[in-house]
Amino acid sequence: MNVEKQASFLEETLKPAIVKAKADLIHLFFMDASHFVMSGLVGRLWCKVRLWVKTSSGRKRYNVLGALHFISKKIEMVANDSYITSVQVVELLEKLATRYVGKPIAIILDNASYQRCKLVTTKAAELGIELMFLPSYSPNLNLIERAWKFVKSAVLNAAYIDTFEEYRERISNFIENIESENADMMYSLITENFQMFDECKII
């Protein structure tokens, strides 16, 4: 983690983009993938005797590439049960370009190779989408990370789901309606306050 690069990105790129989004000048998104492994996630459990909790094998996973709209808190997504590659990134870029017309689109995203490759950067340029790449190791500046943590806590913690089909459906339904059915939580989580770990404070 390069603290100076994080601070520079926050002040020179991220905060100005947020100002533009709040002024309704751009559509600002935070993009990242989450890989949901179908296995038990521990919630909170206190007991005096051993308790066996049923869980699945953890061999299947549901991959979701999401783009979180900073203002509406809606998450646009593409998903599969194989891998997230540049093909899925391009698919999501095209989805955003189709659904969010009339204003420029800017996306905050990390430096994963499948997001920074020529296929993606070329398609973004064709669609008029600005890609703003975070400094390395900066999940604290990518707001969709907070949403993924919330999804796992709300849907999967201490929950047994019998089939992979149901597993995918629960996750997808929750994400697709997250801005309406969990509005209070999303507006609490997705703010313009960011933690800088060198100072251990919110700025």
N, C-alpha and C. Protein backbone atom coordinates (compact mmCIF):
# COMPACT_ATOMS: atom_id res chain seq x y z
N MET A 1 0.84 -1.19 0.00
CA MET A 1 0.00 0.00 0.00
C MET A 1 0.88 1.25 0.00
N ASN A 2 0.64 2.15 -0.94
CA ASN A 2 1.36 3.42 -0.99
C ASN A 2 0.43 4.52 -0.49
N VAL A 3 0.69 4.95 0.73
CA VAL A 3 -0.20 5.91 1.38
C VAL A 3 -0.24 7.23 0.64
N GLU A 4 0.90 7.68 0.14
CA GLU A 4 0.95 8.96 -0.56
C GLU A 4 0.16 8.91 -1.86
N LYS A 5 0.26 7.79 -2.59
CA LYS A 5 -0.51 7.66 -3.83
C LYS A 5 -2.00 7.60 -3.54
N GLN A 6 -2.39 6.91 -2.47
CA GLN A 6 -3.80 6.87 -2.08
C GLN A 6 -4.33 8.28 -1.79
N ALA A 7 -3.57 9.03 -1.00
CA ALA A 7 -4.00 10.39 -0.63
C ALA A 7 -4.11 11.27 -1.86
N SER A 8 -3.16 11.12 -2.77
CA SER A 8 -3.18 11.92 -4.00
C SER A 8 -4.38 11.56 -4.86
N PHE A 9 -4.66 10.26 -5.01
CA PHE A 9 -5.82 9.82 -5.79
C PHE A 9 -7.11 10.33 -5.18
N LEU A 10 -7.20 10.25 -3.86
CA LEU A 10 -8.41 10.70 -3.17
C LEU A 10 -8.67 12.17 -3.42
N GLU A 11 -7.65 12.99 -3.29
CA GLU A 11 -7.82 14.44 -3.40
C GLU A 11 -7.94 14.92 -4.84
N GLU A 12 -7.17 14.31 -5.74
CA GLU A 12 -7.09 14.83 -7.10
C GLU A 12 -8.05 14.16 -8.08
N THR A 13 -8.50 12.95 -7.77
CA THR A 13 -9.35 12.21 -8.70
C THR A 13 -10.70 11.85 -8.10
N LEU A 14 -10.69 11.19 -6.95
CA LEU A 14 -11.92 10.64 -6.39
C LEU A 14 -12.86 11.72 -5.88
N LYS A 15 -12.36 12.62 -5.05
CA LYS A 15 -13.23 13.66 -4.51
C LYS A 15 -13.81 14.57 -5.60
N PRO A 16 -13.01 15.02 -6.59
CA PRO A 16 -13.61 15.80 -7.68
C PRO A 16 -14.68 15.03 -8.45
N ALA A 17 -14.49 13.72 -8.64
CA ALA A 17 -15.50 12.93 -9.33
C ALA A 17 -16.79 12.85 -8.52
N ILE A 18 -16.67 12.74 -7.21
CA ILE A 18 -17.84 12.71 -6.34
C ILE A 18 -18.58 14.04 -6.40
N VAL A 19 -17.85 15.13 -6.42
CA VAL A 19 -18.46 16.46 -6.53
C VAL A 19 -19.27 16.56 -7.82
N LYS A 20 -18.72 16.08 -8.92
CA LYS A 20 -19.43 16.11 -10.20
C LYS A 20 -20.68 15.22 -10.16
N ALA A 21 -20.56 14.06 -9.52
CA ALA A 21 -21.70 13.16 -9.43
C ALA A 21 -22.83 13.78 -8.61
N LYS A 22 -22.48 14.42 -7.51
CA LYS A 22 -23.49 15.06 -6.67
C LYS A 22 -24.13 16.25 -7.36
N ALA A 23 -23.39 16.86 -8.28
CA ALA A 23 -23.94 17.98 -9.05
C ALA A 23 -24.69 17.50 -10.29
N ASP A 24 -24.86 16.18 -10.43
CA ASP A 24 -25.59 15.57 -11.54
C ASP A 24 -24.93 15.82 -12.89
N LEU A 25 -23.59 15.90 -12.88
CA LEU A 25 -22.85 16.13 -14.12
C LEU A 25 -22.33 14.83 -14.73
N ILE A 26 -22.16 13.81 -13.91
CA ILE A 26 -21.69 12.51 -14.40
C ILE A 26 -22.41 11.38 -13.66
N HIS A 27 -22.37 10.20 -14.26
CA HIS A 27 -22.74 8.97 -13.55
C HIS A 27 -21.44 8.38 -13.02
N LEU A 28 -21.32 8.28 -11.71
CA LEU A 28 -20.10 7.75 -11.09
C LEU A 28 -20.36 6.35 -10.54
N PHE A 29 -19.53 5.40 -10.95
CA PHE A 29 -19.67 4.01 -10.50
C PHE A 29 -18.38 3.55 -9.82
N PHE A 30 -18.54 2.61 -8.90
CA PHE A 30 -17.43 1.89 -8.29
C PHE A 30 -17.57 0.42 -8.70
N MET A 31 -16.56 -0.12 -9.37
CA MET A 31 -16.65 -1.46 -9.94
C MET A 31 -15.69 -2.43 -9.25
N ASP A 32 -16.16 -3.66 -9.06
CA ASP A 32 -15.31 -4.72 -8.55
C ASP A 32 -16.07 -6.04 -8.66
N ALA A 33 -15.32 -7.14 -8.59
CA ALA A 33 -15.94 -8.47 -8.61
C ALA A 33 -15.92 -9.06 -7.22
N SER A 34 -16.93 -9.86 -6.94
CA SER A 34 -16.96 -10.63 -5.70
C SER A 34 -17.23 -12.09 -6.06
N HIS A 35 -16.51 -12.98 -5.38
CA HIS A 35 -16.62 -14.41 -5.66
C HIS A 35 -17.25 -15.09 -4.45
N PHE A 36 -18.51 -15.47 -4.59
CA PHE A 36 -19.26 -16.06 -3.49
C PHE A 36 -19.09 -17.58 -3.53
N VAL A 37 -18.36 -18.12 -2.56
CA VAL A 37 -18.13 -19.56 -2.50
C VAL A 37 -19.24 -20.21 -1.69
N MET A 38 -19.86 -21.25 -2.24
CA MET A 38 -20.98 -21.90 -1.57
C MET A 38 -20.47 -22.80 -0.44
N SER A 39 -20.24 -22.18 0.69
CA SER A 39 -19.81 -22.91 1.89
C SER A 39 -20.33 -22.14 3.10
N GLY A 40 -20.13 -22.69 4.28
CA GLY A 40 -20.66 -22.04 5.47
C GLY A 40 -19.88 -20.78 5.84
N LEU A 41 -20.60 -19.71 6.15
CA LEU A 41 -20.00 -18.49 6.68
C LEU A 41 -20.47 -18.31 8.11
N VAL A 42 -19.55 -18.20 9.02
CA VAL A 42 -19.89 -18.12 10.43
C VAL A 42 -20.46 -16.73 10.74
N GLY A 43 -21.58 -16.73 11.45
CA GLY A 43 -22.13 -15.50 11.96
C GLY A 43 -21.68 -15.33 13.41
N ARG A 44 -22.60 -15.33 14.33
CA ARG A 44 -22.27 -15.30 15.76
C ARG A 44 -22.94 -16.48 16.43
N LEU A 45 -22.18 -17.22 17.18
CA LEU A 45 -22.71 -18.41 17.82
C LEU A 45 -22.12 -18.56 19.21
N TRP A 46 -22.99 -18.57 20.24
CA TRP A 46 -22.55 -18.74 21.62
C TRP A 46 -23.33 -19.91 22.22
N CYS A 47 -22.62 -20.95 22.64
CA CYS A 47 -23.31 -22.07 23.25
C CYS A 47 -22.36 -22.81 24.19
N LYS A 48 -22.92 -23.53 25.15
CA LYS A 48 -22.13 -24.26 26.13
C LYS A 48 -21.75 -25.64 25.65
N VAL A 49 -22.49 -26.16 24.70
CA VAL A 49 -22.20 -27.49 24.17
C VAL A 49 -21.95 -27.37 22.66
N ARG A 50 -21.27 -28.36 22.13
CA ARG A 50 -20.95 -28.35 20.70
C ARG A 50 -22.23 -28.45 19.88
N LEU A 51 -22.30 -27.59 18.86
CA LEU A 51 -23.47 -27.56 17.98
C LEU A 51 -23.00 -27.74 16.54
N TRP A 52 -23.51 -28.74 15.86
CA TRP A 52 -23.15 -28.98 14.49
C TRP A 52 -24.10 -28.20 13.58
N VAL A 53 -23.52 -27.42 12.68
CA VAL A 53 -24.31 -26.62 11.74
C VAL A 53 -24.11 -27.17 10.34
N LYS A 54 -25.19 -27.49 9.67
CA LYS A 54 -25.12 -28.06 8.34
C LYS A 54 -24.57 -27.03 7.35
N THR A 55 -23.70 -27.47 6.45
CA THR A 55 -23.16 -26.58 5.44
C THR A 55 -22.86 -27.36 4.18
N SER A 56 -22.53 -26.66 3.10
CA SER A 56 -22.23 -27.31 1.83
C SER A 56 -20.72 -27.46 1.67
N SER A 57 -20.31 -28.07 0.57
CA SER A 57 -18.91 -28.47 0.41
C SER A 57 -17.97 -27.32 0.08
N GLY A 58 -18.47 -26.24 -0.49
CA GLY A 58 -17.62 -25.11 -0.83
C GLY A 58 -16.88 -25.27 -2.15
N ARG A 59 -17.34 -26.17 -3.01
CA ARG A 59 -16.66 -26.38 -4.28
C ARG A 59 -17.22 -25.51 -5.41
N LYS A 60 -18.40 -24.97 -5.23
CA LYS A 60 -19.00 -24.14 -6.27
C LYS A 60 -18.95 -22.68 -5.85
N ARG A 61 -18.80 -21.81 -6.84
CA ARG A 61 -18.80 -20.39 -6.51
C ARG A 61 -19.58 -19.60 -7.56
N TYR A 62 -20.14 -18.51 -7.11
CA TYR A 62 -20.94 -17.63 -7.94
C TYR A 62 -20.18 -16.31 -8.05
N ASN A 63 -19.75 -15.98 -9.25
CA ASN A 63 -18.93 -14.79 -9.48
C ASN A 63 -19.79 -13.63 -9.96
N VAL A 64 -19.70 -12.50 -9.27
CA VAL A 64 -20.49 -11.33 -9.62
C VAL A 64 -19.57 -10.15 -9.86
N LEU A 65 -19.64 -9.58 -11.05
CA LEU A 65 -18.96 -8.33 -11.36
C LEU A 65 -19.99 -7.23 -11.24
N GLY A 66 -19.77 -6.29 -10.34
CA GLY A 66 -20.77 -5.26 -10.10
C GLY A 66 -20.24 -3.86 -10.29
N ALA A 67 -21.14 -2.95 -10.60
CA ALA A 67 -20.83 -1.52 -10.70
C ALA A 67 -21.85 -0.78 -9.85
N LEU A 68 -21.38 -0.17 -8.79
CA LEU A 68 -22.23 0.53 -7.83
C LEU A 68 -22.36 2.00 -8.21
N HIS A 69 -23.59 2.45 -8.44
CA HIS A 69 -23.86 3.86 -8.76
C HIS A 69 -23.79 4.67 -7.47
N PHE A 70 -22.91 5.65 -7.44
CA PHE A 70 -22.67 6.38 -6.19
C PHE A 70 -23.92 7.10 -5.69
N ILE A 71 -24.71 7.66 -6.57
CA ILE A 71 -25.87 8.45 -6.14
C ILE A 71 -27.07 7.56 -5.82
N SER A 72 -27.46 6.68 -6.72
CA SER A 72 -28.67 5.88 -6.51
C SER A 72 -28.44 4.67 -5.61
N LYS A 73 -27.18 4.25 -5.47
CA LYS A 73 -26.78 3.06 -4.71
C LYS A 73 -27.20 1.75 -5.40
N LYS A 74 -27.66 1.82 -6.63
CA LYS A 74 -28.02 0.62 -7.38
C LYS A 74 -26.75 -0.08 -7.86
N ILE A 75 -26.78 -1.40 -7.87
CA ILE A 75 -25.66 -2.18 -8.38
C ILE A 75 -26.07 -2.86 -9.69
N GLU A 76 -25.40 -2.49 -10.77
CA GLU A 76 -25.56 -3.20 -12.04
C GLU A 76 -24.58 -4.37 -12.03
N MET A 77 -24.96 -5.51 -12.59
CA MET A 77 -24.11 -6.68 -12.45
C MET A 77 -24.17 -7.60 -13.66
N VAL A 78 -23.10 -8.36 -13.85
CA VAL A 78 -23.07 -9.53 -14.70
C VAL A 78 -22.49 -10.65 -13.83
N ALA A 79 -22.91 -11.87 -14.07
CA ALA A 79 -22.49 -12.95 -13.17
C ALA A 79 -22.37 -14.27 -13.92
N ASN A 80 -21.58 -15.16 -13.34
CA ASN A 80 -21.46 -16.52 -13.87
C ASN A 80 -20.93 -17.44 -12.77
N ASP A 81 -20.82 -18.73 -13.10
CA ASP A 81 -20.28 -19.66 -12.13
C ASP A 81 -18.96 -20.26 -12.63
N SER A 82 -18.26 -19.51 -13.50
CA SER A 82 -16.96 -19.95 -13.99
C SER A 82 -15.87 -18.97 -13.58
N TYR A 83 -15.64 -17.92 -14.42
CA TYR A 83 -14.61 -16.93 -14.11
C TYR A 83 -15.06 -15.55 -14.58
N ILE A 84 -14.54 -14.52 -13.91
CA ILE A 84 -14.70 -13.16 -14.39
C ILE A 84 -13.48 -12.83 -15.24
N THR A 85 -13.71 -12.42 -16.47
CA THR A 85 -12.63 -12.08 -17.39
C THR A 85 -12.93 -10.72 -18.03
N SER A 86 -12.08 -10.33 -18.94
CA SER A 86 -12.29 -9.07 -19.65
C SER A 86 -13.59 -9.09 -20.44
N VAL A 87 -14.05 -10.27 -20.84
CA VAL A 87 -15.31 -10.38 -21.58
C VAL A 87 -16.48 -9.90 -20.73
N GLN A 88 -16.49 -10.29 -19.47
CA GLN A 88 -17.56 -9.85 -18.56
C GLN A 88 -17.45 -8.34 -18.26
N VAL A 89 -16.22 -7.85 -18.18
CA VAL A 89 -16.04 -6.42 -17.95
C VAL A 89 -16.62 -5.62 -19.12
N VAL A 90 -16.31 -6.05 -20.34
CA VAL A 90 -16.86 -5.38 -21.52
C VAL A 90 -18.38 -5.47 -21.53
N GLU A 91 -18.92 -6.62 -21.16
CA GLU A 91 -20.37 -6.78 -21.10
C GLU A 91 -20.99 -5.79 -20.14
N LEU A 92 -20.35 -5.59 -18.99
CA LEU A 92 -20.89 -4.64 -18.01
C LEU A 92 -20.75 -3.21 -18.51
N LEU A 93 -19.64 -2.88 -19.16
CA LEU A 93 -19.48 -1.53 -19.72
C LEU A 93 -20.58 -1.23 -20.73
N GLU A 94 -20.88 -2.21 -21.59
CA GLU A 94 -21.93 -2.01 -22.59
C GLU A 94 -23.30 -1.86 -21.92
N LYS A 95 -23.51 -2.59 -20.86
CA LYS A 95 -24.77 -2.49 -20.11
C LYS A 95 -24.93 -1.09 -19.51
N LEU A 96 -23.86 -0.57 -18.94
CA LEU A 96 -23.91 0.77 -18.35
C LEU A 96 -24.15 1.83 -19.43
N ALA A 97 -23.45 1.69 -20.55
CA ALA A 97 -23.59 2.67 -21.63
C ALA A 97 -25.01 2.70 -22.19
N THR A 98 -25.67 1.55 -22.17
CA THR A 98 -27.04 1.46 -22.68
C THR A 98 -28.05 2.05 -21.69
N ARG A 99 -27.84 1.79 -20.41
CA ARG A 99 -28.82 2.19 -19.40
C ARG A 99 -28.63 3.61 -18.88
N TYR A 100 -27.42 4.13 -18.96
CA TYR A 100 -27.13 5.45 -18.38
C TYR A 100 -26.67 6.40 -19.48
N VAL A 101 -27.65 6.96 -20.15
CA VAL A 101 -27.37 7.86 -21.26
C VAL A 101 -27.59 9.31 -20.83
N GLY A 102 -27.04 10.22 -21.60
CA GLY A 102 -27.28 11.64 -21.35
C GLY A 102 -26.20 12.34 -20.56
N LYS A 103 -25.40 11.59 -19.82
CA LYS A 103 -24.30 12.17 -19.04
C LYS A 103 -23.09 11.26 -19.16
N PRO A 104 -21.90 11.83 -19.03
CA PRO A 104 -20.69 11.01 -19.07
C PRO A 104 -20.70 9.98 -17.93
N ILE A 105 -20.04 8.85 -18.18
CA ILE A 105 -19.90 7.79 -17.18
C ILE A 105 -18.45 7.69 -16.76
N ALA A 106 -18.22 7.66 -15.47
CA ALA A 106 -16.87 7.47 -14.92
C ALA A 106 -16.91 6.29 -13.96
N ILE A 107 -15.87 5.47 -13.98
CA ILE A 107 -15.83 4.27 -13.15
C ILE A 107 -14.53 4.22 -12.36
N ILE A 108 -14.67 4.03 -11.05
CA ILE A 108 -13.53 3.78 -10.17
C ILE A 108 -13.33 2.27 -10.10
N LEU A 109 -12.13 1.78 -10.36
CA LEU A 109 -11.89 0.34 -10.36
C LEU A 109 -10.43 0.04 -10.06
N ASP A 110 -10.16 -1.20 -9.69
CA ASP A 110 -8.79 -1.56 -9.32
C ASP A 110 -8.00 -2.01 -10.55
N ASN A 111 -6.77 -2.46 -10.32
CA ASN A 111 -5.86 -2.75 -11.40
C ASN A 111 -5.81 -4.23 -11.79
N ALA A 112 -6.86 -4.96 -11.55
CA ALA A 112 -6.90 -6.36 -11.98
C ALA A 112 -6.60 -6.43 -13.48
N SER A 113 -5.82 -7.41 -13.88
CA SER A 113 -5.37 -7.48 -15.27
C SER A 113 -6.53 -7.56 -16.25
N TYR A 114 -7.63 -8.23 -15.87
CA TYR A 114 -8.76 -8.35 -16.78
C TYR A 114 -9.56 -7.06 -16.89
N GLN A 115 -9.26 -6.08 -16.05
CA GLN A 115 -9.93 -4.78 -16.14
C GLN A 115 -9.06 -3.73 -16.82
N ARG A 116 -7.75 -3.94 -16.82
CA ARG A 116 -6.85 -2.94 -17.37
C ARG A 116 -6.31 -3.34 -18.75
N CYS A 117 -6.75 -4.44 -19.28
CA CYS A 117 -6.25 -4.94 -20.56
C CYS A 117 -6.75 -4.07 -21.72
N LYS A 118 -6.13 -4.28 -22.87
CA LYS A 118 -6.44 -3.46 -24.05
C LYS A 118 -7.90 -3.61 -24.48
N LEU A 119 -8.44 -4.83 -24.40
CA LEU A 119 -9.84 -5.04 -24.80
C LEU A 119 -10.77 -4.14 -24.02
N VAL A 120 -10.55 -4.03 -22.71
CA VAL A 120 -11.42 -3.22 -21.86
C VAL A 120 -11.20 -1.73 -22.09
N THR A 121 -9.94 -1.30 -22.10
CA THR A 121 -9.67 0.14 -22.26
C THR A 121 -10.12 0.64 -23.63
N THR A 122 -9.98 -0.20 -24.65
CA THR A 122 -10.43 0.19 -25.99
C THR A 122 -11.95 0.32 -26.04
N LYS A 123 -12.65 -0.66 -25.46
CA LYS A 123 -14.11 -0.61 -25.45
C LYS A 123 -14.61 0.58 -24.63
N ALA A 124 -13.97 0.86 -23.51
CA ALA A 124 -14.37 2.02 -22.69
C ALA A 124 -14.22 3.30 -23.49
N ALA A 125 -13.12 3.43 -24.23
CA ALA A 125 -12.92 4.62 -25.05
C ALA A 125 -13.98 4.73 -26.13
N GLU A 126 -14.33 3.62 -26.75
CA GLU A 126 -15.38 3.61 -27.78
C GLU A 126 -16.72 4.06 -27.21
N LEU A 127 -17.00 3.65 -25.98
CA LEU A 127 -18.28 3.98 -25.35
C LEU A 127 -18.27 5.33 -24.66
N GLY A 128 -17.11 5.98 -24.61
CA GLY A 128 -17.01 7.27 -23.93
C GLY A 128 -17.03 7.16 -22.42
N ILE A 129 -16.58 6.02 -21.90
CA ILE A 129 -16.55 5.79 -20.46
C ILE A 129 -15.14 6.05 -19.94
N GLU A 130 -15.04 6.84 -18.89
CA GLU A 130 -13.74 7.13 -18.29
C GLU A 130 -13.44 6.11 -17.19
N LEU A 131 -12.31 5.45 -17.30
CA LEU A 131 -11.88 4.49 -16.29
C LEU A 131 -10.84 5.16 -15.39
N MET A 132 -11.10 5.18 -14.09
CA MET A 132 -10.20 5.78 -13.11
C MET A 132 -9.63 4.67 -12.25
N PHE A 133 -8.40 4.28 -12.52
CA PHE A 133 -7.79 3.15 -11.85
C PHE A 133 -7.20 3.55 -10.50
N LEU A 134 -7.59 2.81 -9.48
CA LEU A 134 -7.12 3.06 -8.12
C LEU A 134 -5.63 2.74 -8.00
N PRO A 135 -4.95 3.35 -7.04
CA PRO A 135 -3.59 2.90 -6.71
C PRO A 135 -3.64 1.44 -6.25
N SER A 136 -2.54 0.73 -6.37
CA SER A 136 -2.51 -0.67 -5.95
C SER A 136 -2.86 -0.82 -4.48
N TYR A 137 -3.56 -1.90 -4.16
CA TYR A 137 -3.92 -2.24 -2.79
C TYR A 137 -4.70 -1.11 -2.10
N SER A 138 -5.80 -0.72 -2.74
CA SER A 138 -6.61 0.38 -2.19
C SER A 138 -8.09 0.01 -2.08
N PRO A 139 -8.43 -1.13 -1.48
CA PRO A 139 -9.85 -1.48 -1.35
C PRO A 139 -10.61 -0.48 -0.49
N ASN A 140 -9.91 0.23 0.38
CA ASN A 140 -10.56 1.22 1.23
C ASN A 140 -11.12 2.40 0.43
N LEU A 141 -10.68 2.55 -0.81
CA LEU A 141 -11.18 3.64 -1.65
C LEU A 141 -12.23 3.17 -2.65
N ASN A 142 -12.53 1.88 -2.65
CA ASN A 142 -13.52 1.34 -3.58
C ASN A 142 -14.79 1.02 -2.80
N LEU A 143 -15.79 1.87 -2.94
CA LEU A 143 -16.99 1.78 -2.10
C LEU A 143 -17.79 0.50 -2.31
N ILE A 144 -17.66 -0.15 -3.45
CA ILE A 144 -18.44 -1.37 -3.64
C ILE A 144 -17.97 -2.48 -2.72
N GLU A 145 -16.75 -2.39 -2.21
CA GLU A 145 -16.27 -3.38 -1.24
C GLU A 145 -17.17 -3.41 -0.01
N ARG A 146 -17.68 -2.25 0.39
CA ARG A 146 -18.58 -2.18 1.54
C ARG A 146 -19.89 -2.90 1.23
N ALA A 147 -20.36 -2.73 -0.01
CA ALA A 147 -21.60 -3.38 -0.41
C ALA A 147 -21.44 -4.90 -0.42
N TRP A 148 -20.30 -5.39 -0.93
CA TRP A 148 -20.08 -6.84 -0.95
C TRP A 148 -20.07 -7.42 0.46
N LYS A 149 -19.45 -6.73 1.37
CA LYS A 149 -19.42 -7.20 2.76
C LYS A 149 -20.83 -7.27 3.33
N PHE A 150 -21.65 -6.28 3.00
CA PHE A 150 -23.03 -6.26 3.47
C PHE A 150 -23.83 -7.42 2.87
N VAL A 151 -23.64 -7.69 1.59
CA VAL A 151 -24.35 -8.79 0.93
C VAL A 151 -24.04 -10.12 1.63
N LYS A 152 -22.76 -10.37 1.88
CA LYS A 152 -22.37 -11.62 2.52
C LYS A 152 -22.96 -11.73 3.92
N SER A 153 -22.95 -10.63 4.65
CA SER A 153 -23.48 -10.65 6.01
C SER A 153 -24.98 -10.89 6.01
N ALA A 154 -25.69 -10.22 5.11
CA ALA A 154 -27.16 -10.29 5.11
C ALA A 154 -27.69 -11.59 4.53
N VAL A 155 -27.01 -12.14 3.54
CA VAL A 155 -27.55 -13.29 2.82
C VAL A 155 -26.93 -14.62 3.26
N LEU A 156 -25.64 -14.61 3.59
CA LEU A 156 -24.92 -15.88 3.73
C LEU A 156 -24.45 -16.23 5.13
N ASN A 157 -24.32 -15.26 6.01
CA ASN A 157 -23.81 -15.57 7.35
C ASN A 157 -24.71 -16.55 8.08
N ALA A 158 -24.12 -17.65 8.55
CA ALA A 158 -24.82 -18.67 9.34
C ALA A 158 -26.08 -19.19 8.65
N ALA A 159 -26.02 -19.25 7.30
CA ALA A 159 -27.18 -19.71 6.53
C ALA A 159 -26.83 -20.97 5.76
N TYR A 160 -27.71 -21.94 5.80
CA TYR A 160 -27.54 -23.14 4.97
C TYR A 160 -28.49 -23.04 3.79
N ILE A 161 -27.93 -23.16 2.59
CA ILE A 161 -28.73 -23.11 1.37
C ILE A 161 -28.55 -24.44 0.66
N ASP A 162 -29.62 -25.08 0.33
CA ASP A 162 -29.59 -26.48 -0.09
C ASP A 162 -28.98 -26.68 -1.47
N THR A 163 -29.35 -25.85 -2.44
CA THR A 163 -28.88 -26.06 -3.82
C THR A 163 -28.13 -24.84 -4.34
N PHE A 164 -27.27 -25.07 -5.32
CA PHE A 164 -26.52 -23.97 -5.91
C PHE A 164 -27.44 -23.02 -6.65
N GLU A 165 -28.49 -23.54 -7.25
CA GLU A 165 -29.46 -22.69 -7.95
C GLU A 165 -30.10 -21.70 -6.99
N GLU A 166 -30.50 -22.19 -5.81
CA GLU A 166 -31.08 -21.30 -4.81
C GLU A 166 -30.04 -20.31 -4.29
N TYR A 167 -28.82 -20.78 -4.14
CA TYR A 167 -27.71 -19.92 -3.69
C TYR A 167 -27.54 -18.74 -4.63
N ARG A 168 -27.47 -19.02 -5.93
CA ARG A 168 -27.33 -17.95 -6.91
C ARG A 168 -28.53 -17.00 -6.89
N GLU A 169 -29.71 -17.58 -6.78
CA GLU A 169 -30.93 -16.77 -6.82
C GLU A 169 -31.01 -15.82 -5.63
N ARG A 170 -30.66 -16.31 -4.45
CA ARG A 170 -30.71 -15.45 -3.26
C ARG A 170 -29.75 -14.28 -3.38
N ILE A 171 -28.55 -14.57 -3.84
CA ILE A 171 -27.56 -13.50 -3.99
C ILE A 171 -27.99 -12.50 -5.05
N SER A 172 -28.40 -12.99 -6.20
CA SER A 172 -28.81 -12.11 -7.30
C SER A 172 -29.99 -11.23 -6.91
N ASN A 173 -31.02 -11.82 -6.30
CA ASN A 173 -32.20 -11.06 -5.91
C ASN A 173 -31.85 -9.98 -4.91
N PHE A 174 -30.97 -10.30 -3.98
CA PHE A 174 -30.58 -9.32 -2.97
C PHE A 174 -29.84 -8.15 -3.61
N ILE A 175 -28.89 -8.46 -4.49
CA ILE A 175 -28.12 -7.41 -5.14
C ILE A 175 -28.99 -6.55 -6.04
N GLU A 176 -29.85 -7.19 -6.81
CA GLU A 176 -30.67 -6.46 -7.78
C GLU A 176 -31.65 -5.51 -7.11
N ASN A 177 -32.00 -5.76 -5.85
CA ASN A 177 -32.95 -4.89 -5.15
C ASN A 177 -32.32 -4.17 -3.95
N ILE A 178 -31.01 -4.13 -3.90
CA ILE A 178 -30.34 -3.65 -2.71
C ILE A 178 -30.61 -2.18 -2.43
N GLU A 179 -30.77 -1.38 -3.47
CA GLU A 179 -30.95 0.06 -3.26
C GLU A 179 -32.37 0.41 -2.81
N SER A 180 -33.33 -0.48 -3.04
CA SER A 180 -34.71 -0.21 -2.65
C SER A 180 -35.08 -0.91 -1.34
N GLU A 181 -34.72 -2.19 -1.22
CA GLU A 181 -35.10 -2.95 -0.04
C GLU A 181 -34.16 -2.74 1.15
N ASN A 182 -33.00 -2.16 0.89
CA ASN A 182 -32.04 -1.89 1.97
C ASN A 182 -31.50 -0.47 1.86
N ALA A 183 -32.40 0.46 1.57
CA ALA A 183 -32.00 1.84 1.30
C ALA A 183 -31.27 2.48 2.48
N ASP A 184 -31.79 2.32 3.68
CA ASP A 184 -31.16 2.95 4.85
C ASP A 184 -29.73 2.46 5.05
N MET A 185 -29.53 1.16 4.94
CA MET A 185 -28.19 0.61 5.12
C MET A 185 -27.25 1.07 4.02
N MET A 186 -27.72 1.10 2.78
CA MET A 186 -26.86 1.50 1.68
C MET A 186 -26.46 2.97 1.77
N TYR A 187 -27.39 3.82 2.17
CA TYR A 187 -27.05 5.24 2.30
C TYR A 187 -26.16 5.49 3.51
N SER A 188 -26.17 4.58 4.46
CA SER A 188 -25.25 4.67 5.59
C SER A 188 -23.86 4.19 5.21
N LEU A 189 -23.79 3.14 4.40
CA LEU A 189 -22.51 2.55 4.01
C LEU A 189 -21.80 3.33 2.91
N ILE A 190 -22.56 3.73 1.90
CA ILE A 190 -21.95 4.31 0.70
C ILE A 190 -21.93 5.83 0.83
N THR A 191 -20.88 6.32 1.44
CA THR A 191 -20.72 7.75 1.68
C THR A 191 -19.39 8.23 1.09
N GLU A 192 -19.14 9.51 1.20
CA GLU A 192 -17.88 10.06 0.69
C GLU A 192 -16.81 10.12 1.77
N ASN A 193 -17.00 9.37 2.85
CA ASN A 193 -15.98 9.28 3.90
C ASN A 193 -15.11 8.05 3.64
N PHE A 194 -13.81 8.25 3.64
CA PHE A 194 -12.88 7.17 3.35
C PHE A 194 -11.87 7.04 4.47
N GLN A 195 -11.51 5.80 4.78
CA GLN A 195 -10.52 5.55 5.82
C GLN A 195 -9.13 5.44 5.21
N MET A 196 -8.21 6.22 5.76
CA MET A 196 -6.80 6.14 5.37
C MET A 196 -6.06 5.44 6.50
N PHE A 197 -5.55 4.27 6.23
CA PHE A 197 -5.06 3.40 7.28
C PHE A 197 -3.79 3.91 7.96
N ASP A 198 -3.04 4.77 7.32
CA ASP A 198 -1.84 5.28 7.96
C ASP A 198 -2.18 6.16 9.15
N GLU A 199 -3.34 6.82 9.05
CA GLU A 199 -3.74 7.73 10.12
C GLU A 199 -4.84 7.16 10.99
N CYS A 200 -5.39 5.99 10.54
CA CYS A 200 -6.47 5.32 11.27
C CYS A 200 -7.62 6.26 11.56
N LYS A 201 -8.00 7.00 10.53
CA LYS A 201 -9.12 7.91 10.71
C LYS A 201 -9.88 8.06 9.42
N ILE A 202 -11.10 8.58 9.52
CA ILE A 202 -11.93 8.82 8.36
C ILE A 202 -11.68 10.23 7.88
N ILE A 203 -11.49 10.40 6.55
CA ILE A 203 -11.34 11.77 6.01
C ILE A 203 -12.32 11.96 4.87
